[in-house]
Amino acid sequence: QPGGSVEVYYNSDESIAGFQFYVSGVDVTGAGGGAAGDAGFTVSTGNNTVIGFSLTGAVIEPGSGAFVLVEVSGNDAGDASVCLDDVILSDPSGSAMLVQ
């Protein structure tokens, strides 16, 4: 089955302390890197859900760019059928952030 990696990008005016999202259209085999990796986040995957947070209280600083790299199988990584669903971001106080 074809696969590869999908870069997830972000553009935020606020610090991000954690995230969770579901990936449809492919099978998620791993995730890491990007701003989440630079911030030292622990990134885990399971059942096509990607979760990231810091055990030390680190945050992804306001900015834009590559958020996290998701490794996938089962489809071409560039296929338009790859979607992120149920995206949840949290701020440093643990409150949900508006996702657009």
PDB file of N, CA and C in Angstrom:
ATOM      1  N   GLN A   1       0.838  -1.185   0.000  1.00  0.00           N
ATOM      2  CA  GLN A   1       0.000   0.000   0.000  1.00  0.00           C
ATOM      3  C   GLN A   1       0.878   1.241   0.000  1.00  0.00           C
ATOM      4  N   PRO A   2       0.555   2.196  -0.853  1.00  0.00           N
ATOM      5  CA  PRO A   2       1.334   3.433  -0.851  1.00  0.00           C
ATOM      6  C   PRO A   2       1.188   4.157   0.477  1.00  0.00           C
ATOM      7  N   GLY A   3       2.146   4.972   0.768  1.00  0.00           N
ATOM      8  CA  GLY A   3       2.106   5.756   1.998  1.00  0.00           C
ATOM      9  C   GLY A   3       3.142   6.846   1.929  1.00  0.00           C
ATOM     10  N   GLY A   4       3.461   7.379   3.048  1.00  0.00           N
ATOM     11  CA  GLY A   4       4.441   8.447   3.110  1.00  0.00           C
ATOM     12  C   GLY A   4       4.178   9.286   4.326  1.00  0.00           C
ATOM     13  N   SER A   5       4.311  10.573   4.158  1.00  0.00           N
ATOM     14  CA  SER A   5       4.090  11.467   5.285  1.00  0.00           C
ATOM     15  C   SER A   5       3.269  12.669   4.833  1.00  0.00           C
ATOM     16  N   VAL A   6       2.527  13.211   5.782  1.00  0.00           N
ATOM     17  CA  VAL A   6       1.685  14.369   5.545  1.00  0.00           C
ATOM     18  C   VAL A   6       2.114  15.440   6.538  1.00  0.00           C
ATOM     19  N   GLU A   7       2.506  16.601   6.030  1.00  0.00           N
ATOM     20  CA  GLU A   7       2.850  17.705   6.919  1.00  0.00           C
ATOM     21  C   GLU A   7       1.579  18.456   7.286  1.00  0.00           C
ATOM     22  N   VAL A   8       1.381  18.663   8.572  1.00  0.00           N
ATOM     23  CA  VAL A   8       0.254  19.447   9.069  1.00  0.00           C
ATOM     24  C   VAL A   8       0.807  20.815   9.429  1.00  0.00           C
ATOM     25  N   TYR A   9       0.208  21.866   8.904  1.00  0.00           N
ATOM     26  CA  TYR A   9       0.678  23.227   9.127  1.00  0.00           C
ATOM     27  C   TYR A   9      -0.227  23.963  10.109  1.00  0.00           C
ATOM     28  N   TYR A  10       0.311  25.013  10.716  1.00  0.00           N
ATOM     29  CA  TYR A  10      -0.470  25.834  11.643  1.00  0.00           C
ATOM     30  C   TYR A  10      -0.147  27.302  11.445  1.00  0.00           C
ATOM     31  N   ASN A  11      -1.055  28.138  11.938  1.00  0.00           N
ATOM     32  CA  ASN A  11      -0.859  29.578  11.965  1.00  0.00           C
ATOM     33  C   ASN A  11      -1.622  30.061  13.196  1.00  0.00           C
ATOM     34  N   SER A  12      -0.894  30.426  14.248  1.00  0.00           N
ATOM     35  CA  SER A  12      -1.537  30.751  15.515  1.00  0.00           C
ATOM     36  C   SER A  12      -0.957  32.018  16.122  1.00  0.00           C
ATOM     37  N   ASP A  13      -1.845  32.860  16.659  1.00  0.00           N
ATOM     38  CA  ASP A  13      -1.428  34.059  17.383  1.00  0.00           C
ATOM     39  C   ASP A  13      -1.215  33.766  18.861  1.00  0.00           C
ATOM     40  N   GLU A  14      -1.528  32.548  19.293  1.00  0.00           N
ATOM     41  CA  GLU A  14      -1.419  32.171  20.696  1.00  0.00           C
ATOM     42  C   GLU A  14      -0.517  30.957  20.861  1.00  0.00           C
ATOM     43  N   SER A  15       0.029  30.781  22.054  1.00  0.00           N
ATOM     44  CA  SER A  15       0.814  29.597  22.368  1.00  0.00           C
ATOM     45  C   SER A  15      -0.094  28.379  22.427  1.00  0.00           C
ATOM     46  N   ILE A  16       0.415  27.251  21.954  1.00  0.00           N
ATOM     47  CA  ILE A  16      -0.330  25.998  21.949  1.00  0.00           C
ATOM     48  C   ILE A  16       0.351  25.042  22.919  1.00  0.00           C
ATOM     49  N   ALA A  17      -0.421  24.529  23.887  1.00  0.00           N
ATOM     50  CA  ALA A  17       0.142  23.652  24.912  1.00  0.00           C
ATOM     51  C   ALA A  17      -0.189  22.178  24.673  1.00  0.00           C
ATOM     52  N   GLY A  18      -1.128  21.901  23.789  1.00  0.00           N
ATOM     53  CA  GLY A  18      -1.485  20.519  23.496  1.00  0.00           C
ATOM     54  C   GLY A  18      -2.396  20.446  22.296  1.00  0.00           C
ATOM     55  N   PHE A  19      -2.471  19.269  21.707  1.00  0.00           N
ATOM     56  CA  PHE A  19      -3.336  19.086  20.542  1.00  0.00           C
ATOM     57  C   PHE A  19      -3.782  17.641  20.410  1.00  0.00           C
ATOM     58  N   GLN A  20      -4.889  17.480  19.704  1.00  0.00           N
ATOM     59  CA  GLN A  20      -5.415  16.163  19.368  1.00  0.00           C
ATOM     60  C   GLN A  20      -6.208  16.295  18.082  1.00  0.00           C
ATOM     61  N   PHE A  21      -6.044  15.345  17.167  1.00  0.00           N
ATOM     62  CA  PHE A  21      -6.864  15.315  15.956  1.00  0.00           C
ATOM     63  C   PHE A  21      -6.937  13.905  15.410  1.00  0.00           C
ATOM     64  N   TYR A  22      -7.988  13.655  14.649  1.00  0.00           N
ATOM     65  CA  TYR A  22      -8.226  12.376  13.999  1.00  0.00           C
ATOM     66  C   TYR A  22      -7.889  12.523  12.525  1.00  0.00           C
ATOM     67  N   VAL A  23      -7.258  11.514  11.944  1.00  0.00           N
ATOM     68  CA  VAL A  23      -6.898  11.532  10.527  1.00  0.00           C
ATOM     69  C   VAL A  23      -7.730  10.479   9.806  1.00  0.00           C
ATOM     70  N   SER A  24      -8.461  10.909   8.768  1.00  0.00           N
ATOM     71  CA  SER A  24      -9.244   9.961   7.977  1.00  0.00           C
ATOM     72  C   SER A  24      -8.685   9.885   6.567  1.00  0.00           C
ATOM     73  N   GLY A  25      -8.947   8.770   5.905  1.00  0.00           N
ATOM     74  CA  GLY A  25      -8.507   8.571   4.527  1.00  0.00           C
ATOM     75  C   GLY A  25      -7.224   7.778   4.401  1.00  0.00           C
ATOM     76  N   VAL A  26      -6.519   7.556   5.509  1.00  0.00           N
ATOM     77  CA  VAL A  26      -5.263   6.800   5.531  1.00  0.00           C
ATOM     78  C   VAL A  26      -5.153   6.114   6.897  1.00  0.00           C
ATOM     79  N   ASP A  27      -4.148   5.272   7.046  1.00  0.00           N
ATOM     80  CA  ASP A  27      -3.819   4.688   8.340  1.00  0.00           C
ATOM     81  C   ASP A  27      -2.601   5.412   8.893  1.00  0.00           C
ATOM     82  N   VAL A  28      -2.711   5.946  10.099  1.00  0.00           N
ATOM     83  CA  VAL A  28      -1.603   6.651  10.739  1.00  0.00           C
ATOM     84  C   VAL A  28      -0.647   5.622  11.342  1.00  0.00           C
ATOM     85  N   THR A  29       0.641   5.748  11.003  1.00  0.00           N
ATOM     86  CA  THR A  29       1.649   4.820  11.527  1.00  0.00           C
ATOM     87  C   THR A  29       2.621   5.494  12.495  1.00  0.00           C
ATOM     88  N   GLY A  30       2.572   6.817  12.592  1.00  0.00           N
ATOM     89  CA  GLY A  30       3.443   7.538  13.515  1.00  0.00           C
ATOM     90  C   GLY A  30       3.322   9.024  13.286  1.00  0.00           C
ATOM     91  N   ALA A  31       3.936   9.812  14.194  1.00  0.00           N
ATOM     92  CA  ALA A  31       3.908  11.269  14.050  1.00  0.00           C
ATOM     93  C   ALA A  31       5.021  11.867  14.896  1.00  0.00           C
ATOM     94  N   GLY A  32       5.465  13.046  14.497  1.00  0.00           N
ATOM     95  CA  GLY A  32       6.501  13.760  15.243  1.00  0.00           C
ATOM     96  C   GLY A  32       7.063  14.879  14.400  1.00  0.00           C
ATOM     97  N   GLY A  33       8.071  15.537  14.935  1.00  0.00           N
ATOM     98  CA  GLY A  33       8.744  16.600  14.214  1.00  0.00           C
ATOM     99  C   GLY A  33       7.956  17.887  14.186  1.00  0.00           C
ATOM    100  N   GLY A  34       8.321  18.776  13.280  1.00  0.00           N
ATOM    101  CA  GLY A  34       7.675  20.073  13.156  1.00  0.00           C
ATOM    102  C   GLY A  34       7.829  20.902  14.416  1.00  0.00           C
ATOM    103  N   ALA A  35       6.938  21.870  14.596  1.00  0.00           N
ATOM    104  CA  ALA A  35       6.980  22.727  15.776  1.00  0.00           C
ATOM    105  C   ALA A  35       6.761  21.929  17.053  1.00  0.00           C
ATOM    106  N   ALA A  36       5.961  20.863  16.977  1.00  0.00           N
ATOM    107  CA  ALA A  36       5.734  20.011  18.150  1.00  0.00           C
ATOM    108  C   ALA A  36       7.043  19.346  18.580  1.00  0.00           C
ATOM    109  N   GLY A  37       7.809  18.860  17.619  1.00  0.00           N
ATOM    110  CA  GLY A  37       9.104  18.259  17.931  1.00  0.00           C
ATOM    111  C   GLY A  37      10.090  19.279  18.462  1.00  0.00           C
ATOM    112  N   ASP A  38      10.105  20.462  17.842  1.00  0.00           N
ATOM    113  CA  ASP A  38      11.006  21.524  18.298  1.00  0.00           C
ATOM    114  C   ASP A  38      10.719  21.929  19.734  1.00  0.00           C
ATOM    115  N   ALA A  39       9.433  21.867  20.139  1.00  0.00           N
ATOM    116  CA  ALA A  39       9.037  22.241  21.497  1.00  0.00           C
ATOM    117  C   ALA A  39       9.250  21.101  22.496  1.00  0.00           C
ATOM    118  N   GLY A  40       9.647  19.929  22.006  1.00  0.00           N
ATOM    119  CA  GLY A  40       9.869  18.792  22.888  1.00  0.00           C
ATOM    120  C   GLY A  40       8.596  18.072  23.288  1.00  0.00           C
ATOM    121  N   PHE A  41       7.531  18.240  22.505  1.00  0.00           N
ATOM    122  CA  PHE A  41       6.270  17.584  22.817  1.00  0.00           C
ATOM    123  C   PHE A  41       6.400  16.067  22.712  1.00  0.00           C
ATOM    124  N   THR A  42       5.669  15.364  23.548  1.00  0.00           N
ATOM    125  CA  THR A  42       5.455  13.939  23.406  1.00  0.00           C
ATOM    126  C   THR A  42       4.302  13.785  22.425  1.00  0.00           C
ATOM    127  N   VAL A  43       4.533  13.082  21.325  1.00  0.00           N
ATOM    128  CA  VAL A  43       3.495  12.896  20.304  1.00  0.00           C
ATOM    129  C   VAL A  43       3.211  11.402  20.208  1.00  0.00           C
ATOM    130  N   SER A  44       1.939  11.035  20.358  1.00  0.00           N
ATOM    131  CA  SER A  44       1.516   9.637  20.320  1.00  0.00           C
ATOM    132  C   SER A  44       0.431   9.457  19.278  1.00  0.00           C
ATOM    133  N   THR A  45       0.335   8.241  18.751  1.00  0.00           N
ATOM    134  CA  THR A  45      -0.714   7.918  17.790  1.00  0.00           C
ATOM    135  C   THR A  45      -1.383   6.615  18.199  1.00  0.00           C
ATOM    136  N   GLY A  46      -2.638   6.490  17.831  1.00  0.00           N
ATOM    137  CA  GLY A  46      -3.385   5.257  18.053  1.00  0.00           C
ATOM    138  C   GLY A  46      -4.771   5.410  17.483  1.00  0.00           C
ATOM    139  N   ASN A  47      -5.260   4.384  16.808  1.00  0.00           N
ATOM    140  CA  ASN A  47      -6.592   4.415  16.205  1.00  0.00           C
ATOM    141  C   ASN A  47      -6.794   5.647  15.322  1.00  0.00           C
ATOM    142  N   ASN A  48      -5.760   6.019  14.588  1.00  0.00           N
ATOM    143  CA  ASN A  48      -5.767   7.159  13.667  1.00  0.00           C
ATOM    144  C   ASN A  48      -5.924   8.503  14.364  1.00  0.00           C
ATOM    145  N   THR A  49      -5.693   8.551  15.657  1.00  0.00           N
ATOM    146  CA  THR A  49      -5.709   9.793  16.412  1.00  0.00           C
ATOM    147  C   THR A  49      -4.278  10.175  16.761  1.00  0.00           C
ATOM    148  N   VAL A  50      -3.965  11.464  16.632  1.00  0.00           N
ATOM    149  CA  VAL A  50      -2.643  11.990  16.979  1.00  0.00           C
ATOM    150  C   VAL A  50      -2.827  12.918  18.178  1.00  0.00           C
ATOM    151  N   ILE A  51      -2.037  12.709  19.219  1.00  0.00           N
ATOM    152  CA  ILE A  51      -2.095  13.507  20.436  1.00  0.00           C
ATOM    153  C   ILE A  51      -0.700  14.033  20.731  1.00  0.00           C
ATOM    154  N   GLY A  52      -0.605  15.315  21.102  1.00  0.00           N
ATOM    155  CA  GLY A  52       0.683  15.900  21.452  1.00  0.00           C
ATOM    156  C   GLY A  52       0.558  16.839  22.638  1.00  0.00           C
ATOM    157  N   PHE A  53       1.559  16.777  23.526  1.00  0.00           N
ATOM    158  CA  PHE A  53       1.584  17.638  24.708  1.00  0.00           C
ATOM    159  C   PHE A  53       2.993  17.623  25.272  1.00  0.00           C
ATOM    160  N   SER A  54       3.248  18.476  26.230  1.00  0.00           N
ATOM    161  CA  SER A  54       4.551  18.538  26.876  1.00  0.00           C
ATOM    162  C   SER A  54       4.431  18.094  28.322  1.00  0.00           C
ATOM    163  N   LEU A  55       5.324  17.246  28.751  1.00  0.00           N
ATOM    164  CA  LEU A  55       5.364  16.828  30.152  1.00  0.00           C
ATOM    165  C   LEU A  55       6.059  17.870  31.021  1.00  0.00           C
ATOM    166  N   THR A  56       6.727  18.841  30.383  1.00  0.00           N
ATOM    167  CA  THR A  56       7.477  19.855  31.131  1.00  0.00           C
ATOM    168  C   THR A  56       6.820  21.228  31.098  1.00  0.00           C
ATOM    169  N   GLY A  57       5.661  21.342  30.459  1.00  0.00           N
ATOM    170  CA  GLY A  57       4.977  22.622  30.375  1.00  0.00           C
ATOM    171  C   GLY A  57       5.413  23.483  29.204  1.00  0.00           C
ATOM    172  N   ALA A  58       6.194  22.922  28.290  1.00  0.00           N
ATOM    173  CA  ALA A  58       6.622  23.672  27.106  1.00  0.00           C
ATOM    174  C   ALA A  58       5.421  23.937  26.207  1.00  0.00           C
ATOM    175  N   VAL A  59       5.522  24.958  25.379  1.00  0.00           N
ATOM    176  CA  VAL A  59       4.456  25.311  24.441  1.00  0.00           C
ATOM    177  C   VAL A  59       5.038  25.517  23.050  1.00  0.00           C
ATOM    178  N   ILE A  60       4.155  25.426  22.075  1.00  0.00           N
ATOM    179  CA  ILE A  60       4.496  25.826  20.714  1.00  0.00           C
ATOM    180  C   ILE A  60       4.208  27.320  20.659  1.00  0.00           C
ATOM    181  N   GLU A  61       5.225  28.094  20.432  1.00  0.00           N
ATOM    182  CA  GLU A  61       5.089  29.557  20.446  1.00  0.00           C
ATOM    183  C   GLU A  61       4.221  30.037  19.284  1.00  0.00           C
ATOM    184  N   PRO A  62       3.594  31.210  19.431  1.00  0.00           N
ATOM    185  CA  PRO A  62       2.818  31.762  18.323  1.00  0.00           C
ATOM    186  C   PRO A  62       3.661  31.834  17.052  1.00  0.00           C
ATOM    187  N   GLY A  63       3.037  31.531  15.940  1.00  0.00           N
ATOM    188  CA  GLY A  63       3.750  31.561  14.669  1.00  0.00           C
ATOM    189  C   GLY A  63       3.029  30.712  13.649  1.00  0.00           C
ATOM    190  N   SER A  64       3.768  30.303  12.630  1.00  0.00           N
ATOM    191  CA  SER A  64       3.194  29.468  11.578  1.00  0.00           C
ATOM    192  C   SER A  64       4.278  28.589  11.002  1.00  0.00           C
ATOM    193  N   GLY A  65       3.850  27.551  10.310  1.00  0.00           N
ATOM    194  CA  GLY A  65       4.796  26.638   9.682  1.00  0.00           C
ATOM    195  C   GLY A  65       4.362  25.201   9.862  1.00  0.00           C
ATOM    196  N   ALA A  66       5.322  24.301   9.754  1.00  0.00           N
ATOM    197  CA  ALA A  66       5.040  22.877   9.913  1.00  0.00           C
ATOM    198  C   ALA A  66       4.752  22.588  11.388  1.00  0.00           C
ATOM    199  N   PHE A  67       3.567  22.070  11.664  1.00  0.00           N
ATOM    200  CA  PHE A  67       3.111  21.792  13.017  1.00  0.00           C
ATOM    201  C   PHE A  67       3.600  20.421  13.478  1.00  0.00           C
ATOM    202  N   VAL A  68       3.319  19.397  12.685  1.00  0.00           N
ATOM    203  CA  VAL A  68       3.727  18.032  12.984  1.00  0.00           C
ATOM    204  C   VAL A  68       3.707  17.243  11.674  1.00  0.00           C
ATOM    205  N   LEU A  69       4.550  16.239  11.582  1.00  0.00           N
ATOM    206  CA  LEU A  69       4.627  15.367  10.415  1.00  0.00           C
ATOM    207  C   LEU A  69       3.953  14.047  10.778  1.00  0.00           C
ATOM    208  N   VAL A  70       2.944  13.647  10.003  1.00  0.00           N
ATOM    209  CA  VAL A  70       2.191  12.427  10.273  1.00  0.00           C
ATOM    210  C   VAL A  70       2.585  11.380   9.236  1.00  0.00           C
ATOM    211  N   GLU A  71       3.079  10.240   9.711  1.00  0.00           N
ATOM    212  CA  GLU A  71       3.434   9.130   8.828  1.00  0.00           C
ATOM    213  C   GLU A  71       2.180   8.305   8.571  1.00  0.00           C
ATOM    214  N   VAL A  72       1.933   7.978   7.290  1.00  0.00           N
ATOM    215  CA  VAL A  72       0.700   7.289   6.919  1.00  0.00           C
ATOM    216  C   VAL A  72       0.975   6.137   5.962  1.00  0.00           C
ATOM    217  N   SER A  73       0.011   5.224   5.873  1.00  0.00           N
ATOM    218  CA  SER A  73       0.027   4.170   4.865  1.00  0.00           C
ATOM    219  C   SER A  73      -1.397   3.985   4.369  1.00  0.00           C
ATOM    220  N   GLY A  74      -1.535   3.345   3.221  1.00  0.00           N
ATOM    221  CA  GLY A  74      -2.857   3.024   2.718  1.00  0.00           C
ATOM    222  C   GLY A  74      -3.382   3.944   1.655  1.00  0.00           C
ATOM    223  N   ASN A  75      -2.635   4.975   1.299  1.00  0.00           N
ATOM    224  CA  ASN A  75      -3.092   5.905   0.280  1.00  0.00           C
ATOM    225  C   ASN A  75      -1.911   6.802  -0.070  1.00  0.00           C
ATOM    226  N   ASP A  76      -1.985   7.504  -1.175  1.00  0.00           N
ATOM    227  CA  ASP A  76      -0.954   8.491  -1.468  1.00  0.00           C
ATOM    228  C   ASP A  76      -1.055   9.616  -0.458  1.00  0.00           C
ATOM    229  N   ALA A  77       0.057  10.003   0.124  1.00  0.00           N
ATOM    230  CA  ALA A  77       0.047  11.059   1.141  1.00  0.00           C
ATOM    231  C   ALA A  77      -0.516  12.353   0.585  1.00  0.00           C
ATOM    232  N   GLY A  78      -0.363  12.611  -0.704  1.00  0.00           N
ATOM    233  CA  GLY A  78      -0.853  13.849  -1.282  1.00  0.00           C
ATOM    234  C   GLY A  78      -2.294  13.792  -1.749  1.00  0.00           C
ATOM    235  N   ASP A  79      -2.955  12.668  -1.529  1.00  0.00           N
ATOM    236  CA  ASP A  79      -4.335  12.502  -1.982  1.00  0.00           C
ATOM    237  C   ASP A  79      -5.265  13.441  -1.224  1.00  0.00           C
ATOM    238  N   ALA A  80      -6.182  14.052  -1.931  1.00  0.00           N
ATOM    239  CA  ALA A  80      -7.108  15.018  -1.329  1.00  0.00           C
ATOM    240  C   ALA A  80      -8.048  14.366  -0.320  1.00  0.00           C
ATOM    241  N   SER A  81      -8.123  13.035  -0.273  1.00  0.00           N
ATOM    242  CA  SER A  81      -9.039  12.369   0.652  1.00  0.00           C
ATOM    243  C   SER A  81      -8.475  12.285   2.067  1.00  0.00           C
ATOM    244  N   VAL A  82      -7.252  12.726   2.304  1.00  0.00           N
ATOM    245  CA  VAL A  82      -6.684  12.741   3.649  1.00  0.00           C
ATOM    246  C   VAL A  82      -7.236  13.962   4.372  1.00  0.00           C
ATOM    247  N   CYS A  83      -7.940  13.726   5.492  1.00  0.00           N
ATOM    248  CA  CYS A  83      -8.592  14.826   6.217  1.00  0.00           C
ATOM    249  C   CYS A  83      -8.259  14.770   7.711  1.00  0.00           C
ATOM    250  N   LEU A  84      -8.205  15.943   8.324  1.00  0.00           N
ATOM    251  CA  LEU A  84      -8.091  16.052   9.776  1.00  0.00           C
ATOM    252  C   LEU A  84      -9.478  16.364  10.317  1.00  0.00           C
ATOM    253  N   ASP A  85      -9.897  15.616  11.306  1.00  0.00           N
ATOM    254  CA  ASP A  85     -11.208  15.798  11.911  1.00  0.00           C
ATOM    255  C   ASP A  85     -11.058  15.949  13.419  1.00  0.00           C
ATOM    256  N   ASP A  86     -12.077  16.514  14.053  1.00  0.00           N
ATOM    257  CA  ASP A  86     -12.126  16.630  15.514  1.00  0.00           C
ATOM    258  C   ASP A  86     -10.844  17.240  16.081  1.00  0.00           C
ATOM    259  N   VAL A  87     -10.403  18.353  15.494  1.00  0.00           N
ATOM    260  CA  VAL A  87      -9.173  19.022  15.923  1.00  0.00           C
ATOM    261  C   VAL A  87      -9.429  19.770  17.227  1.00  0.00           C
ATOM    262  N   ILE A  88      -8.600  19.482  18.224  1.00  0.00           N
ATOM    263  CA  ILE A  88      -8.675  20.149  19.523  1.00  0.00           C
ATOM    264  C   ILE A  88      -7.287  20.705  19.842  1.00  0.00           C
ATOM    265  N   LEU A  89      -7.227  21.993  20.140  1.00  0.00           N
ATOM    266  CA  LEU A  89      -5.994  22.631  20.590  1.00  0.00           C
ATOM    267  C   LEU A  89      -6.244  23.185  21.983  1.00  0.00           C
ATOM    268  N   SER A  90      -5.220  23.159  22.842  1.00  0.00           N
ATOM    269  CA  SER A  90      -5.374  23.742  24.167  1.00  0.00           C
ATOM    270  C   SER A  90      -4.302  24.790  24.403  1.00  0.00           C
ATOM    271  N   ASP A  91      -4.694  25.818  25.184  1.00  0.00           N
ATOM    272  CA  ASP A  91      -3.740  26.881  25.540  1.00  0.00           C
ATOM    273  C   ASP A  91      -3.003  26.472  26.820  1.00  0.00           C
ATOM    274  N   PRO A  92      -2.028  27.272  27.252  1.00  0.00           N
ATOM    275  CA  PRO A  92      -1.238  26.904  28.438  1.00  0.00           C
ATOM    276  C   PRO A  92      -2.056  26.723  29.722  1.00  0.00           C
ATOM    277  N   SER A  93      -3.260  27.286  29.798  1.00  0.00           N
ATOM    278  CA  SER A  93      -4.092  27.093  30.992  1.00  0.00           C
ATOM    279  C   SER A  93      -4.968  25.836  30.874  1.00  0.00           C
ATOM    280  N   GLY A  94      -4.879  25.130  29.745  1.00  0.00           N
ATOM    281  CA  GLY A  94      -5.653  23.919  29.527  1.00  0.00           C
ATOM    282  C   GLY A  94      -7.003  24.151  28.894  1.00  0.00           C
ATOM    283  N   SER A  95      -7.299  25.390  28.536  1.00  0.00           N
ATOM    284  CA  SER A  95      -8.584  25.711  27.905  1.00  0.00           C
ATOM    285  C   SER A  95      -8.533  25.420  26.406  1.00  0.00           C
ATOM    286  N   ALA A  96      -9.662  25.025  25.866  1.00  0.00           N
ATOM    287  CA  ALA A  96      -9.753  24.777  24.429  1.00  0.00           C
ATOM    288  C   ALA A  96      -9.596  26.087  23.672  1.00  0.00           C
ATOM    289  N   MET A  97      -8.911  26.001  22.531  1.00  0.00           N
ATOM    290  CA  MET A  97      -8.709  27.169  21.666  1.00  0.00           C
ATOM    291  C   MET A  97      -9.643  27.057  20.466  1.00  0.00           C
ATOM    292  N   LEU A  98     -10.022  28.194  19.913  1.00  0.00           N
ATOM    293  CA  LEU A  98     -10.836  28.224  18.706  1.00  0.00           C
ATOM    294  C   LEU A  98     -10.003  27.729  17.541  1.00  0.00           C
ATOM    295  N   VAL A  99     -10.526  26.769  16.793  1.00  0.00           N
ATOM    296  CA  VAL A  99      -9.838  26.202  15.628  1.00  0.00           C
ATOM    297  C   VAL A  99     -10.626  26.603  14.400  1.00  0.00           C
ATOM    298  N   GLN A 100      -9.952  27.234  13.435  1.00  0.00           N
ATOM    299  CA  GLN A 100     -10.610  27.636  12.183  1.00  0.00           C
ATOM    300  C   GLN A 100      -9.991  26.954  11.009  1.00  0.00           C
TER     301      GLN A 100
END
